[in-house]
Amino acid sequence: MSIPVPLSNPSHPVIMSLRSYSGCAHDHLRRFLLQNYHLQVNAMKLNKTKTLITATTLTLLNACASLPSNDLRDPYEGWNRKVQSFNDTADNYVMKPVAKGYKWAMPDFAEQGVSNFFSNIEDIGVIVNSALQGKLSQTGSDTARLLVNTTAGVGGLFDVATHIDLPKHDDNFDKTFGAWGLDTGPYLVLPIFGPSSVRGFAGMAFDMAIDPTNYVGGSAIGMVNAVNIVDKRADMLPMDKVVDEAATDRYEFFKNAYLSRDNPTDENGDSHENHSLKLEEVDKP
């Protein structure tokens, strides 16, 4: 069953919700989300759960528009803190136990193979965004990496490319929009998805549109996405201890970690990420 196009239906609850705070100081956010919601919904057709989460986020944004914040990067702090509290609860009672069970049951080599497989699929989006950012040399390297890992790496289960000097890059539409000069916009915490921004929210729609896993037919799409999510959460388990010990305010910790990724780029277009939180450093004593 197709999802109705909200922009053609003035009585759609999301549209009414966004228009309800048209007079607030953040009217530009309302207009931006109205323009991008149609694309987001079409990309989400392929996953009903993601569609529900996105619609919920847009519908409830009016609740945060009037909440004050001293941080200009975070005008919706009241809303964001409530959503993070919800996410933390869901993580503690659902995602973290499932991830721990997954890590316990999966041999290390099998878990690494799953991570490599999804990382190889993500390289398709990396190639597209490298090209859109004008990184021609990196685009060639990323393309070669995808071909090598898909063939010699048995469908991406083995990361052969890294061993022959074809490193992994991490480009997406959020970074592409940034390279094109679009501002990050206000910080947002999305239900389930977690830390994001107005630009990141828009970029998510494009990322999903070019993700091949969203085009898997039948009930298999749910299984594929579930394994991907659980595998990523399992990879982040080492971070939990660091966050618990280092963060006096979990909200500020995650906000600053997310916003620190939006760094200036050098003359080659590569991000300076030396201040960003890196998972590979968590395990070091």
Protein backbone atom coordinates (compact mmCIF):
# COMPACT_ATOMS: atom_id res chain seq x y z
CA MET A 1 0.00 0.00 0.00
CA SER A 2 1.44 3.37 -0.98
CA ILE A 3 1.99 6.17 1.51
CA PRO A 4 -0.08 9.31 0.80
CA VAL A 5 1.94 12.30 -0.29
CA PRO A 6 1.64 14.74 2.64
CA LEU A 7 2.44 17.86 0.67
CA SER A 8 -0.71 17.40 -1.39
CA ASN A 9 -2.91 17.01 1.69
CA PRO A 10 -3.19 20.22 3.78
CA SER A 11 -5.02 18.32 6.54
CA HIS A 12 -2.19 15.81 6.99
CA PRO A 13 -1.27 15.88 10.72
CA VAL A 14 2.41 16.42 10.01
CA ILE A 15 1.73 19.42 7.78
CA MET A 16 -0.76 20.86 10.29
CA SER A 17 1.73 20.35 13.09
CA LEU A 18 4.51 22.13 11.23
CA ARG A 19 2.23 25.01 10.24
CA SER A 20 1.00 25.40 13.81
CA TYR A 21 4.18 27.19 14.82
CA SER A 22 4.68 29.20 11.66
CA GLY A 23 5.05 32.39 13.65
CA CYS A 24 7.95 31.23 15.82
CA ALA A 25 11.53 32.40 15.53
CA HIS A 26 12.54 29.21 13.77
CA ASP A 27 10.21 29.53 10.79
CA HIS A 28 13.10 28.65 8.47
CA LEU A 29 13.23 25.18 10.05
CA ARG A 30 9.53 24.66 9.36
CA ARG A 31 9.95 25.62 5.69
CA PHE A 32 13.04 23.44 5.34
CA LEU A 33 11.30 20.38 6.76
CA LEU A 34 8.19 20.92 4.64
CA GLN A 35 10.35 20.99 1.50
CA ASN A 36 12.24 17.82 2.44
CA TYR A 37 9.49 15.74 4.04
CA HIS A 38 8.15 14.40 0.72
CA LEU A 39 11.53 12.97 -0.23
CA GLN A 40 12.03 11.57 3.28
CA VAL A 41 8.69 9.75 3.20
CA ASN A 42 9.33 8.28 -0.24
CA ALA A 43 12.70 6.96 0.92
CA MET A 44 11.06 5.56 4.06
CA LYS A 45 8.39 3.63 2.13
CA LEU A 46 10.78 0.75 2.04
CA ASN A 47 10.86 0.50 5.83
CA LYS A 48 7.66 1.18 7.77
CA THR A 49 9.43 1.49 11.08
CA LYS A 50 11.67 4.27 9.81
CA THR A 51 8.67 6.02 8.31
CA LEU A 52 6.86 6.03 11.66
CA ILE A 53 9.92 7.38 13.47
CA THR A 54 10.42 10.18 10.94
CA ALA A 55 6.75 11.19 10.98
CA THR A 56 6.78 11.21 14.78
CA THR A 57 9.85 13.45 14.81
CA LEU A 58 8.26 15.98 12.46
CA THR A 59 4.91 15.93 14.25
CA LEU A 60 6.44 16.61 17.65
CA LEU A 61 8.91 19.28 16.57
CA ASN A 62 6.27 21.92 17.34
CA ALA A 63 6.57 21.00 21.02
CA CYS A 64 10.20 22.09 21.09
CA ALA A 65 9.94 25.26 19.03
CA SER A 66 9.04 27.39 22.04
CA LEU A 67 11.55 25.85 24.45
CA PRO A 68 14.44 28.22 25.23
CA SER A 69 18.12 27.22 25.18
CA ASN A 70 21.29 29.14 25.96
CA ASP A 71 23.21 27.21 23.29
CA LEU A 72 22.57 28.72 19.86
CA ARG A 73 23.46 25.37 18.28
CA ASP A 74 20.76 23.68 20.33
CA PRO A 75 17.56 25.77 20.41
CA TYR A 76 15.44 22.65 20.99
CA GLU A 77 17.27 21.38 24.06
CA GLY A 78 14.08 20.67 26.00
CA TRP A 79 12.75 18.38 23.26
CA ASN A 80 16.17 16.84 22.61
CA ARG A 81 16.73 15.89 26.24
CA LYS A 82 13.36 14.15 26.43
CA VAL A 83 14.05 12.18 23.26
CA GLN A 84 17.50 11.18 24.48
CA SER A 85 15.97 9.99 27.73
CA PHE A 86 13.55 7.86 25.71
CA ASN A 87 16.40 6.55 23.54
CA ASP A 88 18.54 5.73 26.58
CA THR A 89 15.67 3.78 28.14
CA ALA A 90 15.02 1.85 24.92
CA ASP A 91 18.73 1.14 24.60
CA ASN A 92 19.12 -0.07 28.18
CA TYR A 93 16.13 -2.41 28.04
CA VAL A 94 16.22 -3.56 24.41
CA MET A 95 19.20 -2.72 22.22
CA LYS A 96 22.04 -3.19 24.69
CA PRO A 97 20.89 -6.63 25.94
CA VAL A 98 20.31 -7.79 22.36
CA ALA A 99 23.73 -6.48 21.29
CA LYS A 100 25.43 -8.22 24.21
CA GLY A 101 23.68 -11.48 23.33
CA TYR A 102 24.70 -11.08 19.70
CA LYS A 103 28.33 -10.46 20.64
CA TRP A 104 28.33 -13.44 23.01
CA ALA A 105 26.82 -15.80 20.43
CA MET A 106 28.83 -14.67 17.40
CA PRO A 107 32.44 -15.80 17.01
CA ASP A 108 34.78 -12.86 16.48
CA PHE A 109 35.53 -13.78 12.87
CA ALA A 110 31.79 -14.09 12.06
CA GLU A 111 30.97 -10.76 13.71
CA GLN A 112 33.78 -9.10 11.78
CA GLY A 113 32.48 -10.65 8.57
CA VAL A 114 29.01 -9.19 9.16
CA SER A 115 30.51 -5.76 9.87
CA ASN A 116 32.63 -5.99 6.72
CA PHE A 117 29.62 -7.01 4.64
CA PHE A 118 27.54 -3.97 5.60
CA SER A 119 30.57 -1.69 5.40
CA ASN A 120 31.10 -2.87 1.83
CA ILE A 121 27.49 -2.00 0.95
CA GLU A 122 27.92 1.45 2.53
CA ASP A 123 30.84 2.08 0.18
CA ILE A 124 28.30 2.55 -2.63
CA GLY A 125 27.05 5.69 -0.91
CA VAL A 126 30.62 6.74 -0.12
CA ILE A 127 31.49 6.58 -3.83
CA VAL A 128 28.47 8.71 -4.79
CA ASN A 129 29.22 11.35 -2.18
CA SER A 130 32.96 11.42 -2.88
CA ALA A 131 32.11 12.20 -6.51
CA LEU A 132 29.54 14.85 -5.56
CA GLN A 133 32.17 16.53 -3.36
CA GLY A 134 34.63 16.60 -6.25
CA LYS A 135 37.07 14.15 -4.64
CA LEU A 136 37.96 12.46 -7.91
CA SER A 137 41.03 10.62 -6.63
CA GLN A 138 39.14 9.31 -3.60
CA THR A 139 36.20 8.31 -5.80
CA GLY A 140 38.52 6.13 -7.84
CA SER A 141 40.02 4.62 -4.69
CA ASP A 142 36.59 3.96 -3.18
CA THR A 143 35.39 2.34 -6.42
CA ALA A 144 38.43 0.08 -6.52
CA ARG A 145 37.87 -0.79 -2.87
CA LEU A 146 34.26 -1.82 -3.55
CA LEU A 147 35.27 -3.99 -6.52
CA VAL A 148 38.12 -5.69 -4.65
CA ASN A 149 36.11 -6.46 -1.53
CA THR A 150 33.07 -7.61 -3.50
CA THR A 151 35.13 -10.03 -5.56
CA ALA A 152 38.29 -11.06 -3.69
CA GLY A 153 36.57 -10.36 -0.38
CA VAL A 154 33.70 -12.77 -1.14
CA GLY A 155 30.84 -10.29 -1.25
CA GLY A 156 32.49 -8.01 1.27
CA LEU A 157 32.88 -10.54 4.09
CA PHE A 158 36.65 -9.95 4.07
CA ASP A 159 38.27 -6.52 3.94
CA VAL A 160 41.00 -7.29 1.41
CA ALA A 161 41.15 -3.70 0.13
CA THR A 162 42.52 -2.22 3.35
CA HIS A 163 45.53 -4.55 3.12
CA ILE A 164 46.41 -3.29 -0.36
CA ASP A 165 46.28 0.40 0.54
CA LEU A 166 42.65 1.10 -0.37
CA PRO A 167 41.43 2.63 2.92
CA LYS A 168 37.87 3.03 4.11
CA HIS A 169 36.33 6.51 3.85
CA ASP A 170 33.19 7.85 5.47
CA ASP A 171 31.27 10.24 3.23
CA ASN A 172 27.51 10.72 3.24
CA PHE A 173 25.00 13.31 2.08
CA ASP A 174 25.24 15.22 5.35
CA LYS A 175 28.93 15.80 4.65
CA THR A 176 28.21 16.50 0.99
CA PHE A 177 25.71 19.23 1.89
CA GLY A 178 28.34 20.65 4.23
CA ALA A 179 30.93 20.64 1.44
CA TRP A 180 28.43 22.54 -0.69
CA GLY A 181 28.22 25.25 1.97
CA LEU A 182 25.00 24.31 3.76
CA ASP A 183 25.06 25.04 7.47
CA THR A 184 24.60 22.20 9.95
CA GLY A 185 21.52 23.84 11.41
CA PRO A 186 20.09 23.23 14.88
CA TYR A 187 21.09 20.09 16.76
CA LEU A 188 18.33 17.46 16.85
CA VAL A 189 17.93 14.17 18.69
CA LEU A 190 15.75 11.80 16.66
CA PRO A 191 13.78 8.93 18.22
CA ILE A 192 15.81 5.71 17.89
CA PHE A 193 18.28 7.27 15.41
CA GLY A 194 19.82 9.55 18.06
CA PRO A 195 22.01 12.66 17.53
CA SER A 196 21.48 14.52 14.27
CA SER A 197 20.84 17.99 12.88
CA VAL A 198 18.55 19.65 10.37
CA ARG A 199 21.14 19.05 7.64
CA GLY A 200 21.75 15.52 8.87
CA PHE A 201 18.03 14.77 8.85
CA ALA A 202 17.77 15.87 5.22
CA GLY A 203 20.89 13.92 4.32
CA MET A 204 19.37 10.79 5.85
CA ALA A 205 16.65 10.77 3.19
CA PHE A 206 19.20 10.75 0.37
CA ASP A 207 21.37 8.15 2.12
CA MET A 208 18.39 5.82 2.41
CA ALA A 209 17.43 6.36 -1.22
CA ILE A 210 20.78 4.97 -2.45
CA ASP A 211 21.10 2.21 0.17
CA PRO A 212 20.63 -1.12 -1.66
CA THR A 213 19.44 -2.88 1.50
CA ASN A 214 16.27 -0.77 1.39
CA TYR A 215 15.35 -2.42 -1.89
CA VAL A 216 15.46 -5.99 -0.60
CA GLY A 217 12.07 -7.53 -1.32
CA GLY A 218 9.57 -9.06 1.09
CA SER A 219 10.15 -9.67 4.78
CA ALA A 220 13.90 -10.01 4.23
CA ILE A 221 14.33 -6.24 4.47
CA GLY A 222 13.38 -6.33 8.15
CA MET A 223 15.89 -9.07 8.88
CA VAL A 224 18.68 -7.32 6.96
CA ASN A 225 18.11 -4.00 8.72
CA ALA A 226 17.79 -5.67 12.13
CA VAL A 227 21.12 -7.48 11.75
CA ASN A 228 22.79 -4.27 10.58
CA ILE A 229 21.48 -2.28 13.55
CA VAL A 230 22.37 -4.94 16.13
CA ASP A 231 25.84 -5.38 14.63
CA LYS A 232 26.51 -1.63 14.80
CA ARG A 233 25.27 -1.48 18.41
CA ALA A 234 27.52 -4.41 19.31
CA ASP A 235 30.50 -2.55 17.84
CA MET A 236 29.69 0.41 20.11
CA LEU A 237 29.51 -1.59 23.37
CA PRO A 238 33.10 -0.67 24.35
CA MET A 239 32.07 3.00 24.30
CA ASP A 240 29.51 2.53 27.08
CA LYS A 241 32.09 2.34 29.85
CA VAL A 242 33.91 5.41 28.58
CA VAL A 243 30.70 7.44 28.41
CA ASP A 244 29.57 6.34 31.87
CA GLU A 245 32.91 7.25 33.44
CA ALA A 246 33.71 10.43 31.51
CA ALA A 247 30.33 12.11 31.05
CA THR A 248 28.86 14.08 33.92
CA ASP A 249 26.06 15.07 31.55
CA ARG A 250 25.30 12.38 28.95
CA TYR A 251 23.30 14.81 26.85
CA GLU A 252 26.12 17.35 26.56
CA PHE A 253 28.62 14.56 25.94
CA PHE A 254 26.75 13.17 22.94
CA LYS A 255 25.86 16.61 21.60
CA ASN A 256 29.45 17.83 21.64
CA ALA A 257 30.72 14.53 20.21
CA TYR A 258 28.26 14.83 17.32
CA LEU A 259 28.81 18.52 16.59
CA SER A 260 32.60 18.13 16.74
CA ARG A 261 32.37 16.08 13.55
CA ASP A 262 31.31 19.18 11.59
CA ASN A 263 34.87 20.43 11.26
CA PRO A 264 36.43 22.57 8.53
CA THR A 265 38.07 20.71 5.68
CA ASP A 266 41.58 21.06 4.36
CA GLU A 267 42.56 21.90 0.83
CA ASN A 268 41.96 18.29 -0.21
CA GLY A 269 38.43 18.29 1.15
CA ASP A 270 39.23 15.86 3.96
CA SER A 271 37.71 16.51 7.37
CA HIS A 272 39.90 17.23 10.36
CA GLU A 273 38.51 14.65 12.76
CA ASN A 274 41.23 14.62 15.39
CA HIS A 275 38.80 15.94 18.00
CA SER A 276 36.05 13.46 17.16
CA LEU A 277 35.30 10.48 19.34
CA LYS A 278 36.75 7.37 17.70
CA LEU A 279 35.59 3.90 18.67
CA GLU A 280 38.91 2.28 17.85
CA GLU A 281 40.52 4.31 20.63
CA VAL A 282 38.05 3.18 23.29
CA ASP A 283 39.63 -0.20 23.87
CA LYS A 284 43.08 1.24 24.47
CA PRO A 285 44.17 1.22 28.13
